[in-house]
Amino acid sequence: MDKNSTKRVALDANGVDKLAQIAAEHGVSLRVYLEALMHFAISQSERPGSWEAQGFNFSNYDTRGDSAFADRWF
């Protein structure tokens, strides 16, 4: 699949609204925040014993700073 390709999914509107609020608190778009959660979820599946799979911390995935050390899967 092309790196720039996208797919759409349907999600619960209330859940999306809550995630959008959390994303805004971090100063990022909903997509950026959701993709960080996806990287975290994949780490839990692919590397369950790794440090980044132990608990979600957005700063581990926030590429705007110097602390984004967690695995990125796509």
N, C-alpha and C. Protein backbone atom coordinates (compact mmCIF):
# COMPACT_ATOMS: atom_id res chain seq x y z
N MET A 1 0.84 -1.18 0.00
CA MET A 1 0.00 0.00 0.00
C MET A 1 0.89 1.25 0.00
N ASP A 2 0.52 2.22 -0.78
CA ASP A 2 1.24 3.49 -0.87
C ASP A 2 1.28 4.18 0.49
N LYS A 3 2.45 4.72 0.86
CA LYS A 3 2.62 5.39 2.16
C LYS A 3 1.62 6.52 2.34
N ASN A 4 1.21 7.18 1.27
CA ASN A 4 0.29 8.30 1.38
C ASN A 4 -1.16 7.91 1.21
N SER A 5 -1.45 6.63 1.08
CA SER A 5 -2.83 6.22 0.91
C SER A 5 -3.57 6.29 2.24
N THR A 6 -4.86 6.44 2.16
CA THR A 6 -5.68 6.51 3.37
C THR A 6 -6.90 5.61 3.20
N LYS A 7 -7.49 5.26 4.33
CA LYS A 7 -8.74 4.53 4.38
C LYS A 7 -9.64 5.24 5.37
N ARG A 8 -10.91 5.05 5.24
CA ARG A 8 -11.87 5.66 6.15
C ARG A 8 -12.54 4.58 7.00
N VAL A 9 -12.83 4.93 8.22
CA VAL A 9 -13.60 4.06 9.11
C VAL A 9 -14.69 4.89 9.76
N ALA A 10 -15.74 4.25 10.14
CA ALA A 10 -16.83 4.92 10.85
C ALA A 10 -16.64 4.67 12.35
N LEU A 11 -16.68 5.75 13.12
CA LEU A 11 -16.48 5.66 14.56
C LEU A 11 -17.64 6.33 15.28
N ASP A 12 -17.85 5.94 16.52
CA ASP A 12 -18.88 6.55 17.34
C ASP A 12 -18.63 8.06 17.46
N ALA A 13 -19.63 8.87 17.17
CA ALA A 13 -19.49 10.33 17.17
C ALA A 13 -19.05 10.86 18.53
N ASN A 14 -19.58 10.32 19.61
CA ASN A 14 -19.21 10.80 20.95
C ASN A 14 -17.74 10.49 21.24
N GLY A 15 -17.28 9.32 20.83
CA GLY A 15 -15.88 8.97 21.02
C GLY A 15 -14.96 9.87 20.21
N VAL A 16 -15.35 10.15 18.98
CA VAL A 16 -14.55 11.04 18.14
C VAL A 16 -14.49 12.43 18.75
N ASP A 17 -15.61 12.92 19.25
CA ASP A 17 -15.64 14.25 19.88
C ASP A 17 -14.72 14.30 21.10
N LYS A 18 -14.74 13.25 21.91
CA LYS A 18 -13.86 13.22 23.08
C LYS A 18 -12.39 13.18 22.68
N LEU A 19 -12.06 12.36 21.68
CA LEU A 19 -10.68 12.30 21.21
C LEU A 19 -10.24 13.63 20.59
N ALA A 20 -11.15 14.29 19.89
CA ALA A 20 -10.83 15.60 19.32
C ALA A 20 -10.54 16.61 20.42
N GLN A 21 -11.26 16.53 21.50
CA GLN A 21 -11.02 17.43 22.64
C GLN A 21 -9.65 17.16 23.26
N ILE A 22 -9.31 15.90 23.43
CA ILE A 22 -8.00 15.55 23.98
C ILE A 22 -6.90 15.99 23.03
N ALA A 23 -7.10 15.77 21.73
CA ALA A 23 -6.11 16.20 20.74
C ALA A 23 -5.89 17.70 20.82
N ALA A 24 -6.97 18.45 20.93
CA ALA A 24 -6.87 19.91 21.03
C ALA A 24 -6.09 20.32 22.27
N GLU A 25 -6.27 19.61 23.36
CA GLU A 25 -5.52 19.90 24.59
C GLU A 25 -4.02 19.70 24.38
N HIS A 26 -3.66 18.81 23.47
CA HIS A 26 -2.25 18.58 23.14
C HIS A 26 -1.78 19.48 22.00
N GLY A 27 -2.70 20.24 21.43
CA GLY A 27 -2.34 21.14 20.35
C GLY A 27 -2.09 20.47 19.01
N VAL A 28 -2.74 19.32 18.81
CA VAL A 28 -2.57 18.59 17.55
C VAL A 28 -3.94 18.27 16.96
N SER A 29 -3.93 17.86 15.70
CA SER A 29 -5.17 17.48 15.05
C SER A 29 -5.66 16.13 15.58
N LEU A 30 -6.92 15.86 15.34
CA LEU A 30 -7.48 14.57 15.72
C LEU A 30 -6.73 13.45 15.01
N ARG A 31 -6.38 13.64 13.75
CA ARG A 31 -5.66 12.60 13.00
C ARG A 31 -4.32 12.30 13.66
N VAL A 32 -3.55 13.33 14.01
CA VAL A 32 -2.24 13.13 14.64
C VAL A 32 -2.40 12.35 15.95
N TYR A 33 -3.39 12.73 16.76
CA TYR A 33 -3.60 12.05 18.04
C TYR A 33 -4.05 10.61 17.83
N LEU A 34 -4.99 10.40 16.91
CA LEU A 34 -5.48 9.05 16.65
C LEU A 34 -4.38 8.16 16.09
N GLU A 35 -3.53 8.69 15.23
CA GLU A 35 -2.43 7.89 14.71
C GLU A 35 -1.43 7.55 15.81
N ALA A 36 -1.23 8.44 16.77
CA ALA A 36 -0.37 8.12 17.92
C ALA A 36 -0.97 6.95 18.70
N LEU A 37 -2.28 6.98 18.91
CA LEU A 37 -2.94 5.87 19.59
C LEU A 37 -2.81 4.58 18.80
N MET A 38 -2.85 4.68 17.48
CA MET A 38 -2.70 3.49 16.64
C MET A 38 -1.30 2.91 16.77
N HIS A 39 -0.28 3.77 16.78
CA HIS A 39 1.10 3.28 16.96
C HIS A 39 1.23 2.58 18.32
N PHE A 40 0.62 3.15 19.35
CA PHE A 40 0.64 2.55 20.68
C PHE A 40 -0.04 1.18 20.67
N ALA A 41 -1.20 1.10 20.04
CA ALA A 41 -1.94 -0.17 19.99
C ALA A 41 -1.14 -1.23 19.24
N ILE A 42 -0.51 -0.84 18.15
CA ILE A 42 0.29 -1.80 17.38
C ILE A 42 1.49 -2.25 18.21
N SER A 43 2.11 -1.33 18.96
CA SER A 43 3.23 -1.71 19.83
C SER A 43 2.78 -2.74 20.85
N GLN A 44 1.58 -2.57 21.40
CA GLN A 44 1.08 -3.55 22.37
C GLN A 44 0.93 -4.92 21.73
N SER A 45 0.53 -4.95 20.49
CA SER A 45 0.34 -6.22 19.79
C SER A 45 1.67 -6.83 19.33
N GLU A 46 2.52 -6.01 18.74
CA GLU A 46 3.76 -6.49 18.14
C GLU A 46 4.91 -6.65 19.13
N ARG A 47 4.94 -5.80 20.15
CA ARG A 47 6.03 -5.83 21.13
C ARG A 47 5.45 -5.62 22.53
N PRO A 48 4.66 -6.56 23.03
CA PRO A 48 3.94 -6.36 24.29
C PRO A 48 4.83 -6.10 25.51
N GLY A 49 6.05 -6.53 25.50
CA GLY A 49 6.92 -6.31 26.64
C GLY A 49 7.73 -5.03 26.57
N SER A 50 7.60 -4.30 25.46
CA SER A 50 8.41 -3.10 25.28
C SER A 50 7.92 -1.96 26.18
N TRP A 51 8.79 -1.01 26.45
CA TRP A 51 8.44 0.09 27.35
C TRP A 51 7.29 0.92 26.80
N GLU A 52 7.22 1.13 25.48
CA GLU A 52 6.17 1.99 24.95
C GLU A 52 4.80 1.33 24.98
N ALA A 53 4.75 0.01 25.15
CA ALA A 53 3.48 -0.69 25.20
C ALA A 53 2.90 -0.73 26.61
N GLN A 54 3.60 -0.19 27.58
CA GLN A 54 3.16 -0.29 28.97
C GLN A 54 2.08 0.73 29.35
N GLY A 55 2.04 1.85 28.71
CA GLY A 55 1.02 2.86 28.99
C GLY A 55 1.15 3.99 27.98
N PHE A 56 0.01 4.51 27.55
CA PHE A 56 0.05 5.54 26.51
C PHE A 56 0.47 6.88 27.10
N ASN A 57 1.48 7.46 26.49
CA ASN A 57 1.94 8.81 26.82
C ASN A 57 2.13 9.51 25.48
N PHE A 58 1.28 10.48 25.18
CA PHE A 58 1.32 11.12 23.87
C PHE A 58 2.70 11.66 23.53
N SER A 59 3.42 12.17 24.50
CA SER A 59 4.73 12.77 24.21
C SER A 59 5.70 11.76 23.60
N ASN A 60 5.50 10.46 23.85
CA ASN A 60 6.35 9.45 23.24
C ASN A 60 6.15 9.36 21.73
N TYR A 61 5.02 9.89 21.24
CA TYR A 61 4.68 9.81 19.82
C TYR A 61 4.62 11.19 19.16
N ASP A 62 4.81 12.24 19.92
CA ASP A 62 4.69 13.61 19.44
C ASP A 62 5.96 14.03 18.72
N THR A 63 5.93 14.01 17.41
CA THR A 63 7.12 14.28 16.62
C THR A 63 7.50 15.76 16.59
N ARG A 64 6.73 16.62 17.25
CA ARG A 64 7.09 18.04 17.31
C ARG A 64 8.24 18.29 18.28
N GLY A 65 8.47 17.39 19.20
CA GLY A 65 9.50 17.59 20.20
C GLY A 65 10.61 16.56 20.09
N ASP A 66 11.43 16.51 21.14
CA ASP A 66 12.57 15.60 21.16
C ASP A 66 12.30 14.31 21.91
N SER A 67 11.07 14.10 22.39
CA SER A 67 10.80 12.94 23.23
C SER A 67 10.02 11.85 22.49
N ALA A 68 9.90 11.91 21.18
CA ALA A 68 9.14 10.93 20.42
C ALA A 68 10.02 9.72 20.11
N PHE A 69 10.19 8.87 21.10
CA PHE A 69 11.09 7.72 20.95
C PHE A 69 10.36 6.41 20.70
N ALA A 70 9.05 6.40 20.77
CA ALA A 70 8.30 5.15 20.61
C ALA A 70 8.31 4.71 19.15
N ASP A 71 8.10 3.41 18.95
CA ASP A 71 8.04 2.85 17.60
C ASP A 71 6.92 3.50 16.79
N ARG A 72 7.20 3.69 15.52
CA ARG A 72 6.20 4.16 14.57
C ARG A 72 6.07 3.04 13.55
N TRP A 73 4.86 2.56 13.34
CA TRP A 73 4.62 1.36 12.55
C TRP A 73 4.18 1.64 11.12
N PHE A 74 3.90 2.87 10.82
CA PHE A 74 3.51 3.24 9.45
C PHE A 74 3.89 4.67 9.20
